[in-house]
C-alpha atoms as a PDB file:
ATOM      1  CA  UNK A   1      -1.314 -11.255 -21.530  1.00  0.00           C
ATOM      2  CA  UNK A   2      -0.097 -11.280 -17.911  1.00  0.00           C
ATOM      3  CA  UNK A   3      -3.134 -11.642 -15.700  1.00  0.00           C
ATOM      4  CA  UNK A   4      -2.936 -10.409 -12.128  1.00  0.00           C
ATOM      5  CA  UNK A   5      -2.147 -13.271  -9.735  1.00  0.00           C
ATOM      6  CA  UNK A   6      -5.119 -12.230  -7.582  1.00  0.00           C
ATOM      7  CA  UNK A   7      -8.581 -10.783  -8.299  1.00  0.00           C
ATOM      8  CA  UNK A   8      -8.758  -7.013  -8.699  1.00  0.00           C
ATOM      9  CA  UNK A   9      -9.268  -4.813  -5.660  1.00  0.00           C
ATOM     10  CA  UNK A  10      -9.719  -1.056  -5.480  1.00  0.00           C
ATOM     11  CA  UNK A  11      -8.734   1.510  -2.903  1.00  0.00           C
ATOM     12  CA  UNK A  12      -9.508   5.106  -2.092  1.00  0.00           C
ATOM     13  CA  UNK A  13      -6.427   7.193  -1.320  1.00  0.00           C
ATOM     14  CA  UNK A  14      -7.299   9.427   1.629  1.00  0.00           C
ATOM     15  CA  UNK A  15      -5.432  12.743   1.660  1.00  0.00           C
ATOM     16  CA  UNK A  16      -5.314  13.312   5.456  1.00  0.00           C
ATOM     17  CA  UNK A  17      -5.505  17.101   5.545  1.00  0.00           C
ATOM     18  CA  UNK A  18      -5.998  18.362   9.084  1.00  0.00           C
ATOM     19  CA  UNK A  19      -8.207  21.137   7.719  1.00  0.00           C
ATOM     20  CA  UNK A  20     -10.738  18.494   6.655  1.00  0.00           C
ATOM     21  CA  UNK A  21     -11.233  17.326  10.233  1.00  0.00           C
ATOM     22  CA  UNK A  22     -14.070  14.842  10.690  1.00  0.00           C
ATOM     23  CA  UNK A  23     -14.850  15.094   6.963  1.00  0.00           C
ATOM     24  CA  UNK A  24     -11.977  12.639   6.461  1.00  0.00           C
ATOM     25  CA  UNK A  25     -14.081   9.999   8.179  1.00  0.00           C
ATOM     26  CA  UNK A  26     -17.037  10.939   6.006  1.00  0.00           C
ATOM     27  CA  UNK A  27     -14.864  10.318   2.942  1.00  0.00           C
ATOM     28  CA  UNK A  28     -13.800   6.901   4.252  1.00  0.00           C
ATOM     29  CA  UNK A  29     -17.414   6.004   4.994  1.00  0.00           C
ATOM     30  CA  UNK A  30     -18.414   7.157   1.511  1.00  0.00           C
ATOM     31  CA  UNK A  31     -15.695   4.971  -0.025  1.00  0.00           C
ATOM     32  CA  UNK A  32     -17.121   1.979   1.831  1.00  0.00           C
ATOM     33  CA  UNK A  33     -20.649   2.775   0.664  1.00  0.00           C
ATOM     34  CA  UNK A  34     -19.407   3.084  -2.924  1.00  0.00           C
ATOM     35  CA  UNK A  35     -17.881  -0.400  -2.743  1.00  0.00           C
ATOM     36  CA  UNK A  36     -14.177   0.344  -2.470  1.00  0.00           C
ATOM     37  CA  UNK A  37     -12.169  -2.469  -0.892  1.00  0.00           C
ATOM     38  CA  UNK A  38      -9.707  -0.399   1.103  1.00  0.00           C
ATOM     39  CA  UNK A  39      -8.645   3.051   2.232  1.00  0.00           C
ATOM     40  CA  UNK A  40      -4.965   3.952   1.860  1.00  0.00           C
ATOM     41  CA  UNK A  41      -3.461   6.558   4.206  1.00  0.00           C
ATOM     42  CA  UNK A  42       0.010   8.136   3.770  1.00  0.00           C
ATOM     43  CA  UNK A  43       2.530   8.815   6.537  1.00  0.00           C
ATOM     44  CA  UNK A  44       3.940  12.346   6.727  1.00  0.00           C
ATOM     45  CA  UNK A  45       4.969  13.180  10.268  1.00  0.00           C
ATOM     46  CA  UNK A  46       6.969  16.044   8.739  1.00  0.00           C
ATOM     47  CA  UNK A  47       3.899  17.602   7.062  1.00  0.00           C
ATOM     48  CA  UNK A  48       2.115  19.819   9.613  1.00  0.00           C
ATOM     49  CA  UNK A  49      -1.029  20.030   7.488  1.00  0.00           C
ATOM     50  CA  UNK A  50      -1.602  16.239   7.653  1.00  0.00           C
ATOM     51  CA  UNK A  51      -3.015  14.309  10.600  1.00  0.00           C
ATOM     52  CA  UNK A  52      -1.212  11.228  11.912  1.00  0.00           C
ATOM     53  CA  UNK A  53      -1.485   8.137   9.754  1.00  0.00           C
ATOM     54  CA  UNK A  54      -2.204   5.569  12.465  1.00  0.00           C
ATOM     55  CA  UNK A  55      -4.589   7.776  14.413  1.00  0.00           C
ATOM     56  CA  UNK A  56      -6.620   8.277  11.240  1.00  0.00           C
ATOM     57  CA  UNK A  57      -6.539   4.588  10.319  1.00  0.00           C
ATOM     58  CA  UNK A  58      -7.881   3.667  13.742  1.00  0.00           C
ATOM     59  CA  UNK A  59     -10.638   6.263  13.430  1.00  0.00           C
ATOM     60  CA  UNK A  60     -11.549   4.959   9.962  1.00  0.00           C
ATOM     61  CA  UNK A  61     -11.855   1.414  11.283  1.00  0.00           C
ATOM     62  CA  UNK A  62     -14.089   2.630  14.087  1.00  0.00           C
ATOM     63  CA  UNK A  63     -16.323   4.588  11.718  1.00  0.00           C
ATOM     64  CA  UNK A  64     -16.715   1.888   9.055  1.00  0.00           C
ATOM     65  CA  UNK A  65     -17.791  -1.748   9.049  1.00  0.00           C
ATOM     66  CA  UNK A  66     -15.892  -3.718   6.435  1.00  0.00           C
ATOM     67  CA  UNK A  67     -13.507  -1.602   4.373  1.00  0.00           C
ATOM     68  CA  UNK A  68      -9.812  -2.379   4.904  1.00  0.00           C
ATOM     69  CA  UNK A  69      -7.046   0.116   5.680  1.00  0.00           C
ATOM     70  CA  UNK A  70      -3.500   0.291   4.313  1.00  0.00           C
ATOM     71  CA  UNK A  71      -0.625   2.359   5.673  1.00  0.00           C
ATOM     72  CA  UNK A  72       0.686   3.711   2.374  1.00  0.00           C
ATOM     73  CA  UNK A  73       3.359   3.658   3.603  1.00  0.00           C
ATOM     74  CA  UNK A  74       4.542   3.843   7.209  1.00  0.00           C
ATOM     75  CA  UNK A  75       7.901   5.618   7.437  1.00  0.00           C
ATOM     76  CA  UNK A  76      10.229   3.279   9.311  1.00  0.00           C
ATOM     77  CA  UNK A  77      12.678   6.118   9.997  1.00  0.00           C
ATOM     78  CA  UNK A  78      10.023   7.851  12.103  1.00  0.00           C
ATOM     79  CA  UNK A  79       8.316   4.747  13.536  1.00  0.00           C
ATOM     80  CA  UNK A  80      11.210   2.989  15.267  1.00  0.00           C
ATOM     81  CA  UNK A  81      11.826   0.544  16.786  1.00  0.00           C
ATOM     82  CA  UNK A  82      10.026  -1.902  14.466  1.00  0.00           C
ATOM     83  CA  UNK A  83       8.419  -3.763  17.374  1.00  0.00           C
ATOM     84  CA  UNK A  84       6.409  -0.621  18.156  1.00  0.00           C
ATOM     85  CA  UNK A  85       5.134  -0.406  14.579  1.00  0.00           C
ATOM     86  CA  UNK A  86       4.445  -4.156  14.587  1.00  0.00           C
ATOM     87  CA  UNK A  87       2.366  -3.824  17.764  1.00  0.00           C
ATOM     88  CA  UNK A  88       0.483  -0.808  16.413  1.00  0.00           C
ATOM     89  CA  UNK A  89      -0.569  -2.728  13.303  1.00  0.00           C
ATOM     90  CA  UNK A  90      -1.403  -5.827  15.333  1.00  0.00           C
ATOM     91  CA  UNK A  91      -3.476  -3.744  17.760  1.00  0.00           C
ATOM     92  CA  UNK A  92      -5.641  -2.395  14.946  1.00  0.00           C
ATOM     93  CA  UNK A  93      -5.973  -5.930  13.596  1.00  0.00           C
ATOM     94  CA  UNK A  94      -7.225  -7.097  16.999  1.00  0.00           C
ATOM     95  CA  UNK A  95      -9.782  -4.286  17.030  1.00  0.00           C
ATOM     96  CA  UNK A  96     -10.850  -4.908  13.414  1.00  0.00           C
ATOM     97  CA  UNK A  97      -9.680  -8.423  12.446  1.00  0.00           C
ATOM     98  CA  UNK A  98      -8.739  -8.931   8.818  1.00  0.00           C
ATOM     99  CA  UNK A  99      -9.038  -5.267   7.867  1.00  0.00           C
ATOM    100  CA  UNK A 100      -5.437  -4.013   8.227  1.00  0.00           C
ATOM    101  CA  UNK A 101      -2.413  -4.078   5.926  1.00  0.00           C
ATOM    102  CA  UNK A 102       0.981  -2.825   7.062  1.00  0.00           C
ATOM    103  CA  UNK A 103       2.587  -0.886   4.248  1.00  0.00           C
ATOM    104  CA  UNK A 104       6.159   0.082   5.095  1.00  0.00           C
ATOM    105  CA  UNK A 105       9.042   1.988   3.530  1.00  0.00           C
ATOM    106  CA  UNK A 106      12.341   3.336   4.764  1.00  0.00           C
ATOM    107  CA  UNK A 107      10.862   6.824   5.133  1.00  0.00           C
ATOM    108  CA  UNK A 108      14.205   8.447   4.406  1.00  0.00           C
ATOM    109  CA  UNK A 109      13.152  11.676   2.689  1.00  0.00           C
ATOM    110  CA  UNK A 110      14.673  15.161   3.024  1.00  0.00           C
ATOM    111  CA  UNK A 111      11.862  16.586   5.131  1.00  0.00           C
ATOM    112  CA  UNK A 112      12.254  14.194   8.048  1.00  0.00           C
ATOM    113  CA  UNK A 113      15.477  15.840   9.223  1.00  0.00           C
ATOM    114  CA  UNK A 114      13.406  18.822  10.362  1.00  0.00           C
ATOM    115  CA  UNK A 115      11.501  16.619  12.833  1.00  0.00           C
ATOM    116  CA  UNK A 116      14.546  14.714  14.056  1.00  0.00           C
ATOM    117  CA  UNK A 117      14.475  11.846  11.590  1.00  0.00           C
ATOM    118  CA  UNK A 118      17.648  10.105  10.401  1.00  0.00           C
ATOM    119  CA  UNK A 119      19.240  10.228   6.955  1.00  0.00           C
ATOM    120  CA  UNK A 120      20.346   6.639   6.410  1.00  0.00           C
ATOM    121  CA  UNK A 121      22.506   5.869   3.372  1.00  0.00           C
ATOM    122  CA  UNK A 122      20.786   3.581   0.829  1.00  0.00           C
ATOM    123  CA  UNK A 123      22.509   0.367   1.906  1.00  0.00           C
ATOM    124  CA  UNK A 124      21.628   0.932   5.544  1.00  0.00           C
ATOM    125  CA  UNK A 125      18.036   1.841   4.699  1.00  0.00           C
ATOM    126  CA  UNK A 126      17.688  -1.400   2.740  1.00  0.00           C
ATOM    127  CA  UNK A 127      19.034  -3.493   5.618  1.00  0.00           C
ATOM    128  CA  UNK A 128      16.817  -1.725   8.143  1.00  0.00           C
ATOM    129  CA  UNK A 129      13.696  -2.446   6.082  1.00  0.00           C
ATOM    130  CA  UNK A 130      14.727  -6.098   5.765  1.00  0.00           C
ATOM    131  CA  UNK A 131      15.308  -6.407   9.490  1.00  0.00           C
ATOM    132  CA  UNK A 132      12.076  -4.586  10.301  1.00  0.00           C
ATOM    133  CA  UNK A 133      10.113  -7.076   8.189  1.00  0.00           C
ATOM    134  CA  UNK A 134      11.894 -10.094   9.668  1.00  0.00           C
ATOM    135  CA  UNK A 135      11.495  -8.799  13.218  1.00  0.00           C
ATOM    136  CA  UNK A 136       7.806  -8.072  12.604  1.00  0.00           C
ATOM    137  CA  UNK A 137       7.260 -11.629  11.389  1.00  0.00           C
ATOM    138  CA  UNK A 138       8.778 -12.876  14.631  1.00  0.00           C
ATOM    139  CA  UNK A 139       6.701 -10.454  16.677  1.00  0.00           C
ATOM    140  CA  UNK A 140       3.520 -11.698  14.970  1.00  0.00           C
ATOM    141  CA  UNK A 141       4.481 -15.370  15.246  1.00  0.00           C
ATOM    142  CA  UNK A 142       2.147 -16.139  18.147  1.00  0.00           C
ATOM    143  CA  UNK A 143       4.954 -17.640  20.213  1.00  0.00           C
ATOM    144  CA  UNK A 144       5.124 -16.949  23.919  1.00  0.00           C
ATOM    145  CA  UNK A 145       8.601 -15.430  23.634  1.00  0.00           C
ATOM    146  CA  UNK A 146      10.632 -14.345  20.645  1.00  0.00           C
ATOM    147  CA  UNK A 147      14.129 -13.254  19.742  1.00  0.00           C
ATOM    148  CA  UNK A 148      15.631 -11.582  16.710  1.00  0.00           C
ATOM    149  CA  UNK A 149      19.149 -10.291  16.246  1.00  0.00           C
ATOM    150  CA  UNK A 150      20.046  -8.006  13.355  1.00  0.00           C
ATOM    151  CA  UNK A 151      22.624  -5.353  12.707  1.00  0.00           C
ATOM    152  CA  UNK A 152      20.235  -2.556  13.670  1.00  0.00           C
ATOM    153  CA  UNK A 153      17.257  -4.105  15.459  1.00  0.00           C
ATOM    154  CA  UNK A 154      16.856  -6.740  18.154  1.00  0.00           C
ATOM    155  CA  UNK A 155      14.363  -8.678  20.212  1.00  0.00           C
ATOM    156  CA  UNK A 156      15.757 -10.496  23.232  1.00  0.00           C
ATOM    157  CA  UNK A 157      13.397 -13.136  24.581  1.00  0.00           C
ATOM    158  CA  UNK A 158      10.618 -10.586  24.343  1.00  0.00           C
ATOM    159  CA  UNK A 159       7.150 -11.526  25.536  1.00  0.00           C
ATOM    160  CA  UNK A 160       4.985 -11.632  22.435  1.00  0.00           C
ATOM    161  CA  UNK A 161       1.278 -10.995  21.890  1.00  0.00           C
ATOM    162  CA  UNK A 162      -1.159 -13.460  20.401  1.00  0.00           C
ATOM    163  CA  UNK A 163      -0.806 -13.853  16.646  1.00  0.00           C
ATOM    164  CA  UNK A 164      -2.812 -11.501  14.423  1.00  0.00           C
ATOM    165  CA  UNK A 165      -5.336 -12.581  11.818  1.00  0.00           C
ATOM    166  CA  UNK A 166      -3.873 -14.191   8.671  1.00  0.00           C
ATOM    167  CA  UNK A 167      -4.885 -11.112   6.667  1.00  0.00           C
ATOM    168  CA  UNK A 168      -2.428  -8.828   8.483  1.00  0.00           C
ATOM    169  CA  UNK A 169       0.429  -8.698   6.005  1.00  0.00           C
ATOM    170  CA  UNK A 170       3.364  -6.516   4.934  1.00  0.00           C
ATOM    171  CA  UNK A 171       3.522  -4.459   1.751  1.00  0.00           C
ATOM    172  CA  UNK A 172       6.644  -2.504   0.808  1.00  0.00           C
ATOM    173  CA  UNK A 173       6.657   0.910  -0.820  1.00  0.00           C
ATOM    174  CA  UNK A 174       9.733   1.262  -3.017  1.00  0.00           C
ATOM    175  CA  UNK A 175      11.070   2.481  -6.339  1.00  0.00           C
ATOM    176  CA  UNK A 176      14.706   1.358  -6.025  1.00  0.00           C
ATOM    177  CA  UNK A 177      15.876  -1.997  -7.486  1.00  0.00           C
ATOM    178  CA  UNK A 178      17.325  -3.491  -4.298  1.00  0.00           C
ATOM    179  CA  UNK A 179      14.196  -2.807  -2.265  1.00  0.00           C
ATOM    180  CA  UNK A 180      12.109  -4.186  -5.119  1.00  0.00           C
ATOM    181  CA  UNK A 181      14.114  -7.415  -5.027  1.00  0.00           C
ATOM    182  CA  UNK A 182      13.673  -7.552  -1.257  1.00  0.00           C
ATOM    183  CA  UNK A 183       9.928  -7.162  -1.766  1.00  0.00           C
ATOM    184  CA  UNK A 184       9.877 -10.113  -4.138  1.00  0.00           C
ATOM    185  CA  UNK A 185      11.828 -12.203  -1.650  1.00  0.00           C
ATOM    186  CA  UNK A 186       9.956 -11.636   1.612  1.00  0.00           C
ATOM    187  CA  UNK A 187       7.037  -9.161   1.395  1.00  0.00           C
ATOM    188  CA  UNK A 188       3.344  -9.645   0.639  1.00  0.00           C
ATOM    189  CA  UNK A 189       2.748  -6.587  -1.521  1.00  0.00           C
ATOM    190  CA  UNK A 190       4.565  -4.044  -3.679  1.00  0.00           C
ATOM    191  CA  UNK A 191       3.670  -0.338  -3.811  1.00  0.00           C
ATOM    192  CA  UNK A 192       5.903   1.197  -6.507  1.00  0.00           C
ATOM    193  CA  UNK A 193       5.020   4.849  -5.950  1.00  0.00           C
ATOM    194  CA  UNK A 194       2.945   7.206  -8.044  1.00  0.00           C
ATOM    195  CA  UNK A 195       5.287   9.011 -10.424  1.00  0.00           C
ATOM    196  CA  UNK A 196       6.911   6.560 -12.862  1.00  0.00           C
ATOM    197  CA  UNK A 197       3.767   4.556 -13.563  1.00  0.00           C
ATOM    198  CA  UNK A 198       3.559   4.705 -17.361  1.00  0.00           C
ATOM    199  CA  UNK A 199       3.733   1.182 -18.833  1.00  0.00           C
ATOM    200  CA  UNK A 200       7.059   1.766 -20.584  1.00  0.00           C
ATOM    201  CA  UNK A 201       8.588   2.995 -17.323  1.00  0.00           C
ATOM    202  CA  UNK A 202       7.134   0.501 -14.896  1.00  0.00           C
ATOM    203  CA  UNK A 203       7.268  -2.551 -17.167  1.00  0.00           C
ATOM    204  CA  UNK A 204      10.950  -3.330 -16.466  1.00  0.00           C
ATOM    205  CA  UNK A 205      10.286  -2.931 -12.730  1.00  0.00           C
ATOM    206  CA  UNK A 206       7.544  -5.547 -12.929  1.00  0.00           C
ATOM    207  CA  UNK A 207       9.940  -7.931 -14.679  1.00  0.00           C
ATOM    208  CA  UNK A 208      12.499  -7.429 -11.907  1.00  0.00           C
ATOM    209  CA  UNK A 209       9.877  -8.108  -9.263  1.00  0.00           C
ATOM    210  CA  UNK A 210       8.722 -11.259 -11.054  1.00  0.00           C
ATOM    211  CA  UNK A 211      12.316 -12.490 -11.254  1.00  0.00           C
ATOM    212  CA  UNK A 212      12.854 -11.867  -7.531  1.00  0.00           C
ATOM    213  CA  UNK A 213       9.666 -13.747  -6.645  1.00  0.00           C
ATOM    214  CA  UNK A 214      10.681 -16.686  -8.813  1.00  0.00           C
ATOM    215  CA  UNK A 215      14.244 -16.732  -7.454  1.00  0.00           C
ATOM    216  CA  UNK A 216      12.848 -16.939  -3.931  1.00  0.00           C
ATOM    217  CA  UNK A 217      10.758 -19.938  -4.933  1.00  0.00           C
ATOM    218  CA  UNK A 218       7.505 -18.135  -4.251  1.00  0.00           C
ATOM    219  CA  UNK A 219       4.281 -18.192  -6.307  1.00  0.00           C
ATOM    220  CA  UNK A 220       3.282 -15.045  -8.197  1.00  0.00           C
ATOM    221  CA  UNK A 221       0.232 -14.685  -5.975  1.00  0.00           C
ATOM    222  CA  UNK A 222       2.486 -14.234  -2.928  1.00  0.00           C
ATOM    223  CA  UNK A 223       2.997 -10.551  -3.761  1.00  0.00           C
ATOM    224  CA  UNK A 224       0.161  -8.156  -4.478  1.00  0.00           C
ATOM    225  CA  UNK A 225       0.935  -5.277  -6.838  1.00  0.00           C
ATOM    226  CA  UNK A 226      -0.491  -1.851  -6.023  1.00  0.00           C
ATOM    227  CA  UNK A 227      -0.959   0.724  -8.770  1.00  0.00           C
ATOM    228  CA  UNK A 228      -1.296   4.283  -7.505  1.00  0.00           C
ATOM    229  CA  UNK A 229      -3.035   6.740  -9.839  1.00  0.00           C
ATOM    230  CA  UNK A 230      -3.248   9.804  -7.576  1.00  0.00           C
ATOM    231  CA  UNK A 231      -0.713  11.763  -9.618  1.00  0.00           C
ATOM    232  CA  UNK A 232      -2.962  11.423 -12.684  1.00  0.00           C
ATOM    233  CA  UNK A 233      -6.085  13.325 -13.697  1.00  0.00           C
ATOM    234  CA  UNK A 234      -9.622  12.622 -14.858  1.00  0.00           C
ATOM    235  CA  UNK A 235     -10.602  15.318 -17.343  1.00  0.00           C
ATOM    236  CA  UNK A 236     -12.673  15.649 -20.533  1.00  0.00           C
ATOM    237  CA  UNK A 237      -9.721  16.001 -22.932  1.00  0.00           C
ATOM    238  CA  UNK A 238      -6.888  13.522 -23.336  1.00  0.00           C
ATOM    239  CA  UNK A 239      -3.453  14.918 -22.533  1.00  0.00           C
ATOM    240  CA  UNK A 240      -1.203  11.929 -21.822  1.00  0.00           C
ATOM    241  CA  UNK A 241      -1.236   8.645 -19.964  1.00  0.00           C
ATOM    242  CA  UNK A 242      -4.122   8.544 -17.451  1.00  0.00           C
ATOM    243  CA  UNK A 243      -4.815  12.206 -18.093  1.00  0.00           C
ATOM    244  CA  UNK A 244      -8.144  12.250 -19.858  1.00  0.00           C
ATOM    245  CA  UNK A 245     -11.737  10.933 -19.896  1.00  0.00           C
ATOM    246  CA  UNK A 246     -13.204   7.801 -18.350  1.00  0.00           C
ATOM    247  CA  UNK A 247     -12.957   5.603 -21.452  1.00  0.00           C
ATOM    248  CA  UNK A 248      -9.244   6.386 -21.732  1.00  0.00           C
ATOM    249  CA  UNK A 249      -8.728   5.466 -18.076  1.00  0.00           C
ATOM    250  CA  UNK A 250     -10.563   2.164 -18.537  1.00  0.00           C
ATOM    251  CA  UNK A 251      -8.516   1.250 -21.600  1.00  0.00           C
ATOM    252  CA  UNK A 252      -5.165   2.158 -20.064  1.00  0.00           C
ATOM    253  CA  UNK A 253      -5.826   0.619 -16.648  1.00  0.00           C
ATOM    254  CA  UNK A 254      -6.993  -2.566 -18.351  1.00  0.00           C
ATOM    255  CA  UNK A 255      -3.582  -2.651 -20.016  1.00  0.00           C
ATOM    256  CA  UNK A 256      -1.908  -2.219 -16.607  1.00  0.00           C
ATOM    257  CA  UNK A 257      -3.971  -5.016 -15.078  1.00  0.00           C
ATOM    258  CA  UNK A 258      -3.947  -7.538 -17.909  1.00  0.00           C
ATOM    259  CA  UNK A 259      -0.595  -6.613 -19.418  1.00  0.00           C
ATOM    260  CA  UNK A 260       1.503  -6.016 -16.312  1.00  0.00           C
ATOM    261  CA  UNK A 261      -0.378  -8.008 -13.697  1.00  0.00           C
ATOM    262  CA  UNK A 262      -1.347  -5.280 -11.220  1.00  0.00           C
ATOM    263  CA  UNK A 263      -4.215  -6.354  -8.969  1.00  0.00           C
ATOM    264  CA  UNK A 264      -4.811  -3.404  -6.618  1.00  0.00           C
ATOM    265  CA  UNK A 265      -5.598   0.128  -7.803  1.00  0.00           C
ATOM    266  CA  UNK A 266      -5.606   3.271  -5.673  1.00  0.00           C
ATOM    267  CA  UNK A 267      -7.730   6.215  -6.762  1.00  0.00           C
ATOM    268  CA  UNK A 268      -7.756   9.737  -5.401  1.00  0.00           C
ATOM    269  CA  UNK A 269      -8.603  13.173  -6.753  1.00  0.00           C
ATOM    270  CA  UNK A 270      -6.848  15.969  -4.863  1.00  0.00           C
ATOM    271  CA  UNK A 271      -9.134  18.656  -6.239  1.00  0.00           C
ATOM    272  CA  UNK A 272     -12.541  16.974  -6.069  1.00  0.00           C
ATOM    273  CA  UNK A 273     -12.463  13.897  -3.861  1.00  0.00           C
ATOM    274  CA  UNK A 274     -16.220  13.330  -3.636  1.00  0.00           C
ATOM    275  CA  UNK A 275     -17.033  13.524  -7.356  1.00  0.00           C
ATOM    276  CA  UNK A 276     -13.809  11.723  -8.233  1.00  0.00           C
ATOM    277  CA  UNK A 277     -14.615   8.728  -6.030  1.00  0.00           C
ATOM    278  CA  UNK A 278     -18.130   8.514  -7.464  1.00  0.00           C
ATOM    279  CA  UNK A 279     -16.726   8.493 -10.995  1.00  0.00           C
ATOM    280  CA  UNK A 280     -14.186   5.807 -10.142  1.00  0.00           C
ATOM    281  CA  UNK A 281     -16.769   3.668  -8.366  1.00  0.00           C
ATOM    282  CA  UNK A 282     -19.621   4.033 -10.853  1.00  0.00           C
ATOM    283  CA  UNK A 283     -17.826   4.159 -14.201  1.00  0.00           C
ATOM    284  CA  UNK A 284     -14.227   2.958 -14.043  1.00  0.00           C
ATOM    285  CA  UNK A 285     -14.203   0.112 -11.515  1.00  0.00           C
ATOM    286  CA  UNK A 286     -17.165  -1.834 -13.014  1.00  0.00           C
ATOM    287  CA  UNK A 287     -15.588  -1.660 -16.480  1.00  0.00           C
ATOM    288  CA  UNK A 288     -12.236  -2.885 -15.166  1.00  0.00           C
ATOM    289  CA  UNK A 289     -13.859  -5.770 -13.308  1.00  0.00           C
ATOM    290  CA  UNK A 290     -15.767  -6.745 -16.447  1.00  0.00           C
ATOM    291  CA  UNK A 291     -12.615  -6.688 -18.584  1.00  0.00           C
ATOM    292  CA  UNK A 292     -10.776  -8.775 -15.990  1.00  0.00           C
ATOM    293  CA  UNK A 293     -13.573 -11.358 -15.775  1.00  0.00           C
ATOM    294  CA  UNK A 294     -13.710 -11.651 -19.557  1.00  0.00           C
ATOM    295  CA  UNK A 295      -9.956 -12.221 -19.682  1.00  0.00           C
ATOM    296  CA  UNK A 296     -10.135 -14.903 -16.992  1.00  0.00           C
ATOM    297  CA  UNK A 297     -13.046 -16.633 -18.739  1.00  0.00           C
ATOM    298  CA  UNK A 298     -11.161 -16.574 -22.039  1.00  0.00           C
ATOM    299  CA  UNK A 299      -8.067 -18.331 -20.729  1.00  0.00           C
END
């Protein structure tokens, strides 16, 4: 058994379709009422049918009272320079202290070329993400002035804002080994994507993350692990991993939590968001919490 290093939390993945309009805020409010811990919003500047990630996150914070928001994930390639992204996240944290998480990735995907985005080679993308995280830490340091000098990004005795709340942290979305190691070294959370999430596929990735955390001399609890289920399907008949009824989901997600140490789970149903969130909140989440508490009590 590999218990999660932190208590379980649960998020609603908000598909930010422009056609939904203000109903997106209704969905976020519903998630809060149902007891979800956070709302995760993707970043697709290159998708014309999606609204802007940060505009929606700000609107969600204004509409709700306690639920947290996660950029899942902000595309660095379209949000440069990093100081601008750092200030955006800090600004939302000032407006809603303790309710914001900065999820970041390189953002280098084929579609961004159409909107003027760069196509960095893998090594450069890795270094840019590293520098963006390091520069953001400096920007959030609370010092009067700050400097940072990297290969791609710089601060030169920049006037800095007041420090954010301690809860404002940095999670990295990645599936590649080098970014995963970087996450273990310096980030606060790991978002491994939503495709290769079967235990036999993601298990070795977890081991690599654990090794990177240990090599950096950090405790396991330093890095939250986010499990994204939005590519899976709740349905009456079982047809593969996380494609089936509620009891199958509970059993398999318990394995992910207690066997692989994931602590944060994102749920979203593309076809039926409202009923899907009710099912997750009323049937799946309570069972997972109960299984986790039993495991902790039995240690």
